Amino acid sequence: MHNLYFDLTQELNAEGPIAVLASGQAVVFYRISMMSKDGDWILKETPEACQRALAVLARHGARYRSGAPLDVRWLAGGWSSHFEFFDPQGRRIRCDFVTRPPRVRREELAALFNQPAAPTLVVGIEPLIRMKQTQRAKDYPVIGELARLLPPEREIELTTDPDRILALAPLHGQGSQRRPVRAASAGRPREEVVVELAREADRMQREDKARLDRYRAASAAYLLEFQAANVAGMELPEAHQRLCELALRWLPRDPLATGDPDHGAAE
């Protein structure tokens, strides 16, 4: 089936790599799922990349949805920008951009834009798995399927499938610090491996929720101003200028302010 989000990735990168397909559409690219309802990209964190992405979106008649302006001043603080437009068939196309996705290291982000030329730039398996370690329970089976695409010594460190851990542990589990792998390597029963995986997933879900709660609290007043100004009803150039004005007044640049360069984006 033809994928408009893959086409958009190529359009965004027509003058050089600035946008890497991520999240649900990346899962589609790796043939783990058949479809995803929207498109997510990691954008190169430069004003030029933002300007080019805005130009592409404007050609499609895109409008802003609730979110931060597509501007490095806020994207560098972990915010995300959201857009939508309708394709010629009348389908709603949603496009989301970040420059600092959660749990992805800065050196990995830099490497994304130095990949060999490809028709569709897409995030690698391991960063994608870490991006999927969210508060959503539905992401954890997807992680297990993605992990199967890795070499066994990496699969065992990232999979959410207890049976894969049990199968891989005899050859690849020694020395792991991961609690489910240590349980399997010690010959503990399957139920104990399952329990350790559940505890691990619960911890990651709570951490992700706590992170997003801070972004939600920090954006509450800004989003009220977004709605009051009817930014979603403006054409993109006017909307972008107005949104930057609102953000300067109401949206903190970095709600986490931890000094950790890998703290990640609001989703």
C-alpha atoms as a PDB file:
ATOM      1  CA  MET A   1       0.000   0.000   0.000  1.00  0.00           C
ATOM      2  CA  HIS A   2       1.257   3.468  -0.909  1.00  0.00           C
ATOM      3  CA  ASN A   3       2.441   5.386   2.157  1.00  0.00           C
ATOM      4  CA  LEU A   4       2.077   9.169   2.071  1.00  0.00           C
ATOM      5  CA  TYR A   5       4.264   9.550   5.182  1.00  0.00           C
ATOM      6  CA  PHE A   6       7.175   7.898   3.384  1.00  0.00           C
ATOM      7  CA  ASP A   7       6.609  10.352   0.514  1.00  0.00           C
ATOM      8  CA  LEU A   8       6.621  13.258   2.951  1.00  0.00           C
ATOM      9  CA  THR A   9       9.916  12.033   4.406  1.00  0.00           C
ATOM     10  CA  GLN A  10      11.460  12.133   0.946  1.00  0.00           C
ATOM     11  CA  GLU A  11       9.976  15.564   0.290  1.00  0.00           C
ATOM     12  CA  LEU A  12      11.351  16.941   3.553  1.00  0.00           C
ATOM     13  CA  ASN A  13      14.812  15.601   2.679  1.00  0.00           C
ATOM     14  CA  ALA A  14      14.839  16.597  -0.992  1.00  0.00           C
ATOM     15  CA  GLU A  15      17.504  19.269  -0.401  1.00  0.00           C
ATOM     16  CA  GLY A  16      19.492  17.299   2.185  1.00  0.00           C
ATOM     17  CA  PRO A  17      18.734  15.205   5.266  1.00  0.00           C
ATOM     18  CA  ILE A  18      16.733  17.078   7.900  1.00  0.00           C
ATOM     19  CA  ALA A  19      13.935  14.668   8.908  1.00  0.00           C
ATOM     20  CA  VAL A  20      14.082  11.055  10.084  1.00  0.00           C
ATOM     21  CA  LEU A  21      10.923   8.959  10.238  1.00  0.00           C
ATOM     22  CA  ALA A  22      10.202   7.731  13.767  1.00  0.00           C
ATOM     23  CA  SER A  23       7.602   6.224  16.091  1.00  0.00           C
ATOM     24  CA  GLY A  24       4.563   4.507  14.517  1.00  0.00           C
ATOM     25  CA  GLN A  25       5.525   5.012  10.879  1.00  0.00           C
ATOM     26  CA  ALA A  26       9.015   3.700  11.622  1.00  0.00           C
ATOM     27  CA  VAL A  27       7.350   0.567  13.018  1.00  0.00           C
ATOM     28  CA  VAL A  28       5.438   0.339   9.727  1.00  0.00           C
ATOM     29  CA  PHE A  29       8.704   0.768   7.814  1.00  0.00           C
ATOM     30  CA  TYR A  30      10.182  -2.218   9.666  1.00  0.00           C
ATOM     31  CA  ARG A  31       7.022  -4.207   8.825  1.00  0.00           C
ATOM     32  CA  ILE A  32       6.032  -4.784  12.437  1.00  0.00           C
ATOM     33  CA  SER A  33       2.628  -3.213  11.848  1.00  0.00           C
ATOM     34  CA  MET A  34       0.558  -2.490   8.750  1.00  0.00           C
ATOM     35  CA  MET A  35      -0.411   1.106   9.467  1.00  0.00           C
ATOM     36  CA  SER A  36      -0.144   4.050  11.838  1.00  0.00           C
ATOM     37  CA  LYS A  37      -2.604   6.922  12.019  1.00  0.00           C
ATOM     38  CA  ASP A  38      -0.067   9.758  11.911  1.00  0.00           C
ATOM     39  CA  GLY A  39       3.529  10.611  11.088  1.00  0.00           C
ATOM     40  CA  ASP A  40       6.358  11.419  13.486  1.00  0.00           C
ATOM     41  CA  TRP A  41       9.754  12.776  12.545  1.00  0.00           C
ATOM     42  CA  ILE A  42      12.959  13.645  14.337  1.00  0.00           C
ATOM     43  CA  LEU A  43      13.959  16.967  12.840  1.00  0.00           C
ATOM     44  CA  LYS A  44      17.491  18.288  12.623  1.00  0.00           C
ATOM     45  CA  GLU A  45      17.817  20.944  15.294  1.00  0.00           C
ATOM     46  CA  THR A  46      18.613  23.970  13.152  1.00  0.00           C
ATOM     47  CA  PRO A  47      16.572  27.043  12.147  1.00  0.00           C
ATOM     48  CA  GLU A  48      17.112  26.087   8.501  1.00  0.00           C
ATOM     49  CA  ALA A  49      15.572  22.651   9.018  1.00  0.00           C
ATOM     50  CA  CYS A  50      12.568  24.209  10.746  1.00  0.00           C
ATOM     51  CA  GLN A  51      12.103  26.694   7.909  1.00  0.00           C
ATOM     52  CA  ARG A  52      12.304  23.963   5.278  1.00  0.00           C
ATOM     53  CA  ALA A  53       9.823  21.751   7.110  1.00  0.00           C
ATOM     54  CA  LEU A  54       7.416  24.683   7.471  1.00  0.00           C
ATOM     55  CA  ALA A  55       7.710  25.389   3.740  1.00  0.00           C
ATOM     56  CA  VAL A  56       6.880  21.764   2.876  1.00  0.00           C
ATOM     57  CA  LEU A  57       3.926  21.757   5.259  1.00  0.00           C
ATOM     58  CA  ALA A  58       2.650  25.078   3.886  1.00  0.00           C
ATOM     59  CA  ARG A  59       2.643  23.626   0.351  1.00  0.00           C
ATOM     60  CA  HIS A  60       0.250  20.975   1.611  1.00  0.00           C
ATOM     61  CA  GLY A  61      -2.002  23.528   3.309  1.00  0.00           C
ATOM     62  CA  ALA A  62      -1.100  22.334   6.807  1.00  0.00           C
ATOM     63  CA  ARG A  63      -2.372  24.040   9.935  1.00  0.00           C
ATOM     64  CA  TYR A  64      -0.967  23.957  13.455  1.00  0.00           C
ATOM     65  CA  ARG A  65      -2.518  21.656  16.037  1.00  0.00           C
ATOM     66  CA  SER A  66      -2.020  22.207  19.766  1.00  0.00           C
ATOM     67  CA  GLY A  67       1.697  22.134  20.485  1.00  0.00           C
ATOM     68  CA  ALA A  68       4.855  24.190  20.481  1.00  0.00           C
ATOM     69  CA  PRO A  69       5.971  26.273  17.508  1.00  0.00           C
ATOM     70  CA  LEU A  70       8.356  24.556  15.094  1.00  0.00           C
ATOM     71  CA  ASP A  71      11.277  26.609  16.363  1.00  0.00           C
ATOM     72  CA  VAL A  72      14.567  25.425  17.856  1.00  0.00           C
ATOM     73  CA  ARG A  73      14.092  27.634  20.909  1.00  0.00           C
ATOM     74  CA  TRP A  74      11.377  25.269  22.148  1.00  0.00           C
ATOM     75  CA  LEU A  75      12.245  22.064  20.316  1.00  0.00           C
ATOM     76  CA  ALA A  76      15.633  22.101  22.078  1.00  0.00           C
ATOM     77  CA  GLY A  77      13.752  22.056  25.384  1.00  0.00           C
ATOM     78  CA  GLY A  78      12.006  18.815  24.495  1.00  0.00           C
ATOM     79  CA  TRP A  79       8.740  20.212  23.132  1.00  0.00           C
ATOM     80  CA  SER A  80       7.026  18.841  20.025  1.00  0.00           C
ATOM     81  CA  SER A  81       5.173  20.539  17.167  1.00  0.00           C
ATOM     82  CA  HIS A  82       1.952  19.216  15.634  1.00  0.00           C
ATOM     83  CA  PHE A  83       0.272  19.827  12.266  1.00  0.00           C
ATOM     84  CA  GLU A  84      -2.491  18.445  10.105  1.00  0.00           C
ATOM     85  CA  PHE A  85      -3.759  18.739   6.556  1.00  0.00           C
ATOM     86  CA  PHE A  86      -6.029  16.836   4.195  1.00  0.00           C
ATOM     87  CA  ASP A  87      -4.667  14.936   1.214  1.00  0.00           C
ATOM     88  CA  PRO A  88      -6.372  15.008  -2.223  1.00  0.00           C
ATOM     89  CA  GLN A  89      -8.512  12.022  -1.177  1.00  0.00           C
ATOM     90  CA  GLY A  90      -9.782  13.901   1.854  1.00  0.00           C
ATOM     91  CA  ARG A  91      -7.811  11.897   4.412  1.00  0.00           C
ATOM     92  CA  ARG A  92      -6.617  13.722   7.522  1.00  0.00           C
ATOM     93  CA  ILE A  93      -2.797  13.680   7.628  1.00  0.00           C
ATOM     94  CA  ARG A  94      -1.178  14.422  10.978  1.00  0.00           C
ATOM     95  CA  CYS A  95       2.490  15.329  11.290  1.00  0.00           C
ATOM     96  CA  ASP A  96       4.474  15.626  14.525  1.00  0.00           C
ATOM     97  CA  PHE A  97       8.066  16.833  14.895  1.00  0.00           C
ATOM     98  CA  VAL A  98      10.643  16.683  17.691  1.00  0.00           C
ATOM     99  CA  THR A  99      14.376  17.301  17.833  1.00  0.00           C
ATOM    100  CA  ARG A 100      15.006  15.720  21.258  1.00  0.00           C
ATOM    101  CA  PRO A 101      13.000  12.490  21.429  1.00  0.00           C
ATOM    102  CA  PRO A 102      12.887  10.774  24.807  1.00  0.00           C
ATOM    103  CA  ARG A 103      15.676   8.423  25.820  1.00  0.00           C
ATOM    104  CA  VAL A 104      17.766   8.994  22.681  1.00  0.00           C
ATOM    105  CA  ARG A 105      21.335  10.164  23.256  1.00  0.00           C
ATOM    106  CA  ARG A 106      22.668  13.313  21.613  1.00  0.00           C
ATOM    107  CA  GLU A 107      25.362  11.427  19.711  1.00  0.00           C
ATOM    108  CA  GLU A 108      22.687   9.114  18.287  1.00  0.00           C
ATOM    109  CA  LEU A 109      20.676  12.123  17.145  1.00  0.00           C
ATOM    110  CA  ALA A 110      23.684  13.614  15.385  1.00  0.00           C
ATOM    111  CA  ALA A 111      24.364  10.299  13.637  1.00  0.00           C
ATOM    112  CA  LEU A 112      20.834  10.172  12.235  1.00  0.00           C
ATOM    113  CA  PHE A 113      21.639  12.911   9.770  1.00  0.00           C
ATOM    114  CA  ASN A 114      24.906  11.335   8.640  1.00  0.00           C
ATOM    115  CA  GLN A 115      23.291   8.138   7.355  1.00  0.00           C
ATOM    116  CA  PRO A 116      24.029   6.886   3.840  1.00  0.00           C
ATOM    117  CA  ALA A 117      21.586   8.228   1.296  1.00  0.00           C
ATOM    118  CA  ALA A 118      18.331   6.269   1.307  1.00  0.00           C
ATOM    119  CA  PRO A 119      14.885   6.848  -0.229  1.00  0.00           C
ATOM    120  CA  THR A 120      13.361   7.045   3.265  1.00  0.00           C
ATOM    121  CA  LEU A 121      15.426   8.048   6.286  1.00  0.00           C
ATOM    122  CA  VAL A 122      14.246   6.117   9.336  1.00  0.00           C
ATOM    123  CA  VAL A 123      15.427   5.889  12.936  1.00  0.00           C
ATOM    124  CA  GLY A 124      17.418   2.793  13.898  1.00  0.00           C
ATOM    125  CA  ILE A 125      15.961  -0.139  15.821  1.00  0.00           C
ATOM    126  CA  GLU A 126      17.569   0.513  19.221  1.00  0.00           C
ATOM    127  CA  PRO A 127      16.696   4.236  19.418  1.00  0.00           C
ATOM    128  CA  LEU A 128      13.195   3.395  18.197  1.00  0.00           C
ATOM    129  CA  ILE A 129      12.794   0.815  20.961  1.00  0.00           C
ATOM    130  CA  ARG A 130      13.796   3.376  23.576  1.00  0.00           C
ATOM    131  CA  MET A 131      11.383   5.905  22.096  1.00  0.00           C
ATOM    132  CA  LYS A 132       8.631   3.295  22.469  1.00  0.00           C
ATOM    133  CA  GLN A 133       9.307   2.800  26.201  1.00  0.00           C
ATOM    134  CA  THR A 134       6.323   4.993  26.981  1.00  0.00           C
ATOM    135  CA  GLN A 135       3.435   4.955  29.443  1.00  0.00           C
ATOM    136  CA  ARG A 136       1.285   3.183  26.827  1.00  0.00           C
ATOM    137  CA  ALA A 137       0.953  -0.544  27.495  1.00  0.00           C
ATOM    138  CA  LYS A 138       0.383  -1.215  23.783  1.00  0.00           C
ATOM    139  CA  ASP A 139       3.970  -0.192  22.974  1.00  0.00           C
ATOM    140  CA  TYR A 140       5.586  -3.053  24.876  1.00  0.00           C
ATOM    141  CA  PRO A 141       4.560  -5.926  22.547  1.00  0.00           C
ATOM    142  CA  VAL A 142       5.827  -3.763  19.667  1.00  0.00           C
ATOM    143  CA  ILE A 143       9.193  -3.468  21.445  1.00  0.00           C
ATOM    144  CA  GLY A 144       9.384  -7.242  21.626  1.00  0.00           C
ATOM    145  CA  GLU A 145       8.833  -7.553  17.888  1.00  0.00           C
ATOM    146  CA  LEU A 146      11.344  -4.819  17.072  1.00  0.00           C
ATOM    147  CA  ALA A 147      13.943  -6.479  19.301  1.00  0.00           C
ATOM    148  CA  ARG A 148      13.769  -9.612  17.130  1.00  0.00           C
ATOM    149  CA  LEU A 149      15.433  -7.578  14.363  1.00  0.00           C
ATOM    150  CA  LEU A 150      18.555  -7.125  16.526  1.00  0.00           C
ATOM    151  CA  PRO A 151      21.501  -9.475  17.067  1.00  0.00           C
ATOM    152  CA  PRO A 152      20.754 -11.893  19.935  1.00  0.00           C
ATOM    153  CA  GLU A 153      23.136 -10.235  22.387  1.00  0.00           C
ATOM    154  CA  ARG A 154      21.212  -6.971  21.965  1.00  0.00           C
ATOM    155  CA  GLU A 155      17.784  -8.545  21.669  1.00  0.00           C
ATOM    156  CA  ILE A 156      18.056 -10.059  25.142  1.00  0.00           C
ATOM    157  CA  GLU A 157      18.842  -6.645  26.620  1.00  0.00           C
ATOM    158  CA  LEU A 158      15.814  -4.953  25.057  1.00  0.00           C
ATOM    159  CA  THR A 159      13.075  -7.494  24.400  1.00  0.00           C
ATOM    160  CA  THR A 160       9.801  -7.522  26.319  1.00  0.00           C
ATOM    161  CA  ASP A 161       9.131 -11.174  25.446  1.00  0.00           C
ATOM    162  CA  PRO A 162       9.832 -13.538  28.376  1.00  0.00           C
ATOM    163  CA  ASP A 163      10.141 -16.567  26.106  1.00  0.00           C
ATOM    164  CA  ARG A 164      12.833 -14.870  24.033  1.00  0.00           C
ATOM    165  CA  ILE A 165      14.765 -14.044  27.200  1.00  0.00           C
ATOM    166  CA  LEU A 166      14.519 -17.657  28.357  1.00  0.00           C
ATOM    167  CA  ALA A 167      15.653 -18.924  24.959  1.00  0.00           C
ATOM    168  CA  LEU A 168      18.581 -16.512  24.659  1.00  0.00           C
ATOM    169  CA  ALA A 169      19.786 -16.557  28.269  1.00  0.00           C
ATOM    170  CA  PRO A 170      21.966 -19.709  28.102  1.00  0.00           C
ATOM    171  CA  LEU A 171      24.217 -18.215  25.404  1.00  0.00           C
ATOM    172  CA  HIS A 172      23.787 -14.466  25.826  1.00  0.00           C
ATOM    173  CA  GLY A 173      22.605 -13.786  29.364  1.00  0.00           C
ATOM    174  CA  GLN A 174      25.814 -14.011  31.375  1.00  0.00           C
ATOM    175  CA  GLY A 175      26.931 -10.715  32.834  1.00  0.00           C
ATOM    176  CA  SER A 176      23.700  -8.861  32.075  1.00  0.00           C
ATOM    177  CA  GLN A 177      22.573  -6.351  34.699  1.00  0.00           C
ATOM    178  CA  ARG A 178      18.980  -6.534  33.524  1.00  0.00           C
ATOM    179  CA  ARG A 179      16.839  -8.200  36.210  1.00  0.00           C
ATOM    180  CA  PRO A 180      14.653 -10.361  33.888  1.00  0.00           C
ATOM    181  CA  VAL A 181      17.793 -11.661  32.150  1.00  0.00           C
ATOM    182  CA  ARG A 182      19.511 -12.378  35.456  1.00  0.00           C
ATOM    183  CA  ALA A 183      16.464 -14.360  36.600  1.00  0.00           C
ATOM    184  CA  ALA A 184      16.491 -16.428  33.397  1.00  0.00           C
ATOM    185  CA  SER A 185      20.262 -16.962  33.549  1.00  0.00           C
ATOM    186  CA  ALA A 186      19.942 -18.228  37.120  1.00  0.00           C
ATOM    187  CA  GLY A 187      17.431 -20.841  36.014  1.00  0.00           C
ATOM    188  CA  ARG A 188      14.510 -19.216  37.769  1.00  0.00           C
ATOM    189  CA  PRO A 189      11.004 -20.264  36.621  1.00  0.00           C
ATOM    190  CA  ARG A 190       9.295 -18.482  33.738  1.00  0.00           C
ATOM    191  CA  GLU A 191       6.842 -16.811  36.135  1.00  0.00           C
ATOM    192  CA  GLU A 192       9.718 -14.974  37.819  1.00  0.00           C
ATOM    193  CA  VAL A 193      11.001 -13.689  34.483  1.00  0.00           C
ATOM    194  CA  VAL A 194       7.468 -12.486  33.664  1.00  0.00           C
ATOM    195  CA  VAL A 195       7.205 -10.700  37.013  1.00  0.00           C
ATOM    196  CA  GLU A 196      10.564  -8.977  36.520  1.00  0.00           C
ATOM    197  CA  LEU A 197       9.525  -7.841  33.038  1.00  0.00           C
ATOM    198  CA  ALA A 198       6.271  -6.453  34.447  1.00  0.00           C
ATOM    199  CA  ARG A 199       8.155  -4.535  37.119  1.00  0.00           C
ATOM    200  CA  GLU A 200      10.538  -3.173  34.502  1.00  0.00           C
ATOM    201  CA  ALA A 201       7.676  -2.044  32.231  1.00  0.00           C
ATOM    202  CA  ASP A 202       5.844  -0.468  35.170  1.00  0.00           C
ATOM    203  CA  ARG A 203       8.942   1.520  36.120  1.00  0.00           C
ATOM    204  CA  MET A 204       9.389   2.794  32.550  1.00  0.00           C
ATOM    205  CA  GLN A 205       5.698   3.683  32.276  1.00  0.00           C
ATOM    206  CA  ARG A 206       5.771   5.644  35.538  1.00  0.00           C
ATOM    207  CA  GLU A 207       8.920   7.509  34.506  1.00  0.00           C
ATOM    208  CA  ASP A 208       7.427   8.434  31.141  1.00  0.00           C
ATOM    209  CA  LYS A 209       4.171   9.594  32.732  1.00  0.00           C
ATOM    210  CA  ALA A 210       6.029  11.754  35.260  1.00  0.00           C
ATOM    211  CA  ARG A 211       8.014  13.371  32.442  1.00  0.00           C
ATOM    212  CA  LEU A 212       4.928  14.124  30.343  1.00  0.00           C
ATOM    213  CA  ASP A 213       2.993  15.412  33.357  1.00  0.00           C
ATOM    214  CA  ARG A 214       5.609  18.131  33.788  1.00  0.00           C
ATOM    215  CA  TYR A 215       5.217  19.204  30.154  1.00  0.00           C
ATOM    216  CA  ARG A 216       1.434  19.206  30.450  1.00  0.00           C
ATOM    217  CA  ALA A 217       1.510  21.352  33.578  1.00  0.00           C
ATOM    218  CA  ALA A 218       3.991  23.770  31.999  1.00  0.00           C
ATOM    219  CA  SER A 219       1.873  24.202  28.857  1.00  0.00           C
ATOM    220  CA  ALA A 220      -1.570  24.643  30.440  1.00  0.00           C
ATOM    221  CA  ALA A 221      -1.733  28.446  30.196  1.00  0.00           C
ATOM    222  CA  TYR A 222      -0.119  28.455  26.743  1.00  0.00           C
ATOM    223  CA  LEU A 223      -2.663  25.996  25.330  1.00  0.00           C
ATOM    224  CA  LEU A 224      -5.528  28.160  26.583  1.00  0.00           C
ATOM    225  CA  GLU A 225      -3.979  31.099  24.716  1.00  0.00           C
ATOM    226  CA  PHE A 226      -3.508  28.890  21.625  1.00  0.00           C
ATOM    227  CA  GLN A 227      -7.221  28.115  21.599  1.00  0.00           C
ATOM    228  CA  ALA A 228      -8.290  31.681  22.357  1.00  0.00           C
ATOM    229  CA  ALA A 229      -6.214  33.016  19.469  1.00  0.00           C
ATOM    230  CA  ASN A 230      -7.685  30.402  17.072  1.00  0.00           C
ATOM    231  CA  VAL A 231      -4.197  29.558  15.826  1.00  0.00           C
ATOM    232  CA  ALA A 232      -5.509  26.323  14.304  1.00  0.00           C
ATOM    233  CA  GLY A 233      -7.696  28.410  11.999  1.00  0.00           C
ATOM    234  CA  MET A 234      -4.811  30.505  10.610  1.00  0.00           C
ATOM    235  CA  GLU A 235      -2.759  29.765   7.525  1.00  0.00           C
ATOM    236  CA  LEU A 236       0.665  28.481   8.416  1.00  0.00           C
ATOM    237  CA  PRO A 237       2.922  31.555   8.021  1.00  0.00           C
ATOM    238  CA  GLU A 238       0.594  33.744  10.109  1.00  0.00           C
ATOM    239  CA  ALA A 239      -0.001  30.930  12.608  1.00  0.00           C
ATOM    240  CA  HIS A 240       3.704  30.339  13.089  1.00  0.00           C
ATOM    241  CA  GLN A 241       4.418  33.999  13.806  1.00  0.00           C
ATOM    242  CA  ARG A 242       1.506  34.207  16.246  1.00  0.00           C
ATOM    243  CA  LEU A 243       2.486  30.968  17.953  1.00  0.00           C
ATOM    244  CA  CYS A 244       6.044  32.139  18.541  1.00  0.00           C
ATOM    245  CA  GLU A 245       4.649  35.318  20.129  1.00  0.00           C
ATOM    246  CA  LEU A 246       2.443  33.253  22.429  1.00  0.00           C
ATOM    247  CA  ALA A 247       5.259  30.867  23.291  1.00  0.00           C
ATOM    248  CA  LEU A 248       7.610  33.691  24.223  1.00  0.00           C
ATOM    249  CA  ARG A 249       5.067  34.835  26.774  1.00  0.00           C
ATOM    250  CA  TRP A 250       3.532  31.593  28.005  1.00  0.00           C
ATOM    251  CA  LEU A 251       5.670  28.545  27.196  1.00  0.00           C
ATOM    252  CA  PRO A 252       8.829  27.782  29.218  1.00  0.00           C
ATOM    253  CA  ARG A 253      11.693  26.629  27.023  1.00  0.00           C
ATOM    254  CA  ASP A 254      12.638  23.611  29.162  1.00  0.00           C
ATOM    255  CA  PRO A 255      10.134  22.385  31.762  1.00  0.00           C
ATOM    256  CA  LEU A 256      12.533  19.745  33.067  1.00  0.00           C
ATOM    257  CA  ALA A 257      15.634  21.935  33.376  1.00  0.00           C
ATOM    258  CA  THR A 258      17.649  19.015  34.688  1.00  0.00           C
ATOM    259  CA  GLY A 259      20.855  19.709  32.805  1.00  0.00           C
ATOM    260  CA  ASP A 260      20.430  16.280  31.182  1.00  0.00           C
ATOM    261  CA  PRO A 261      20.791  16.702  27.397  1.00  0.00           C
ATOM    262  CA  ASP A 262      18.939  13.414  26.752  1.00  0.00           C
ATOM    263  CA  HIS A 263      15.790  14.100  28.774  1.00  0.00           C
ATOM    264  CA  GLY A 264      13.628  13.887  25.649  1.00  0.00           C
ATOM    265  CA  ALA A 265      10.587  15.427  24.098  1.00  0.00           C
ATOM    266  CA  ALA A 266       7.009  15.936  25.071  1.00  0.00           C
ATOM    267  CA  GLU A 267       4.799  13.732  22.910  1.00  0.00           C
END
